[in-house]
Amino acid sequence: MNQPSSIQADPGDFDPRRRFVRVTGVSSRGFVEFEFSIGSPELCVELVLPPAAFEEFCAAQAAQRLDADDAGTAHTPAARPIDDNQLRSKR
């Protein structure tokens, strides 16, 4: 059975050792809303964590940051921590 070309992916691009995080927002209560992916950023799950737990999660997963304001540029969690001012402006 042939799949549409939009669904087909090069299996060589998938690496289960790579982890990705894309912050999608900060809730009115200060929780970090984000997408987490393993192997390829195209398939993800949506998660919500408090800021400190989010930073710990990113470090434990050694995840690359793929935030929307970076236009696809990857960052390590240490390079782009959640800014306290960003959290205060969302409350």
Protein backbone atom coordinates (compact mmCIF):
# COMPACT_ATOMS: atom_id res chain seq x y z
CA MET A 1 0.00 0.00 0.00
CA ASN A 2 1.41 3.39 -0.97
CA GLN A 3 1.26 6.20 1.54
CA PRO A 4 0.87 9.84 0.51
CA SER A 5 4.26 11.54 0.18
CA SER A 6 3.42 13.94 3.04
CA ILE A 7 3.38 11.00 5.45
CA GLN A 8 6.46 9.21 4.19
CA ALA A 9 9.70 10.04 5.98
CA ASP A 10 13.25 8.95 5.45
CA PRO A 11 13.88 6.32 8.15
CA GLY A 12 17.52 7.43 8.16
CA ASP A 13 16.43 10.73 9.74
CA PHE A 14 15.01 9.01 12.84
CA ASP A 15 17.49 8.70 15.71
CA PRO A 16 15.93 7.50 19.00
CA ARG A 17 18.86 9.00 20.94
CA ARG A 18 17.83 12.55 19.94
CA ARG A 19 15.26 14.38 22.11
CA PHE A 20 13.49 17.64 21.28
CA VAL A 21 11.47 20.18 23.26
CA ARG A 22 9.45 23.04 21.78
CA VAL A 23 7.90 25.49 24.28
CA THR A 24 4.46 26.46 23.03
CA GLY A 25 3.43 28.74 25.87
CA VAL A 26 3.16 29.50 29.54
CA SER A 27 -0.23 29.00 31.18
CA SER A 28 -1.98 31.66 33.24
CA ARG A 29 -0.84 29.72 36.33
CA GLY A 30 2.82 29.78 35.26
CA PHE A 31 3.13 26.22 33.93
CA VAL A 32 5.34 25.63 30.90
CA GLU A 33 3.40 24.13 27.98
CA PHE A 34 5.61 22.23 25.55
CA GLU A 35 5.94 19.50 22.94
CA PHE A 36 8.35 16.62 23.53
CA SER A 37 9.72 14.41 20.74
CA ILE A 38 12.02 11.42 20.53
CA GLY A 39 13.93 10.74 17.34
CA SER A 40 12.24 13.32 15.14
CA PRO A 41 10.54 16.62 16.04
CA GLU A 42 7.63 15.95 13.65
CA LEU A 43 5.94 13.47 16.02
CA CYS A 44 5.41 14.80 19.54
CA VAL A 45 3.35 14.73 22.70
CA GLU A 46 2.11 17.82 24.51
CA LEU A 47 3.13 18.17 28.15
CA VAL A 48 2.76 20.74 30.95
CA LEU A 49 5.16 21.15 33.89
CA PRO A 50 6.09 23.77 36.49
CA PRO A 51 9.18 25.77 35.37
CA ALA A 52 11.69 24.04 37.67
CA ALA A 53 10.41 20.58 36.71
CA PHE A 54 10.54 21.58 33.03
CA GLU A 55 14.22 22.55 33.31
CA GLU A 56 14.98 19.27 35.14
CA PHE A 57 13.07 17.30 32.48
CA CYS A 58 15.03 18.96 29.65
CA ALA A 59 18.35 18.28 31.40
CA ALA A 60 17.46 14.65 32.16
CA GLN A 61 16.43 14.08 28.53
CA ALA A 62 19.38 16.08 27.10
CA ALA A 63 16.74 17.66 24.87
CA GLN A 64 17.39 20.20 22.14
CA ARG A 65 15.17 23.29 22.34
CA LEU A 66 13.17 24.05 19.20
CA ASP A 67 11.16 27.04 20.33
CA ALA A 68 8.93 28.87 17.86
CA ASP A 69 10.83 32.16 18.26
CA ASP A 70 14.05 30.40 17.20
CA ALA A 71 12.75 29.62 13.69
CA GLY A 72 13.88 26.01 13.99
CA THR A 73 17.27 26.69 15.58
CA ALA A 74 18.08 24.09 18.22
CA HIS A 75 19.37 25.06 21.66
CA THR A 76 20.39 23.06 24.67
CA PRO A 77 18.21 23.56 27.77
CA ALA A 78 21.02 25.40 29.56
CA ALA A 79 21.30 27.87 26.69
CA ARG A 80 17.62 28.87 26.82
CA PRO A 81 16.15 28.52 30.31
CA ILE A 82 12.63 29.78 30.93
CA ASP A 83 12.89 33.45 31.84
CA ASP A 84 11.18 34.51 35.11
CA ASN A 85 10.07 37.74 33.42
CA GLN A 86 8.36 35.67 30.73
CA LEU A 87 6.46 33.81 33.45
CA ARG A 88 5.41 36.97 35.29
CA SER A 89 4.03 38.55 32.11
CA LYS A 90 1.74 35.55 31.56
CA ARG A 91 0.19 35.54 35.05
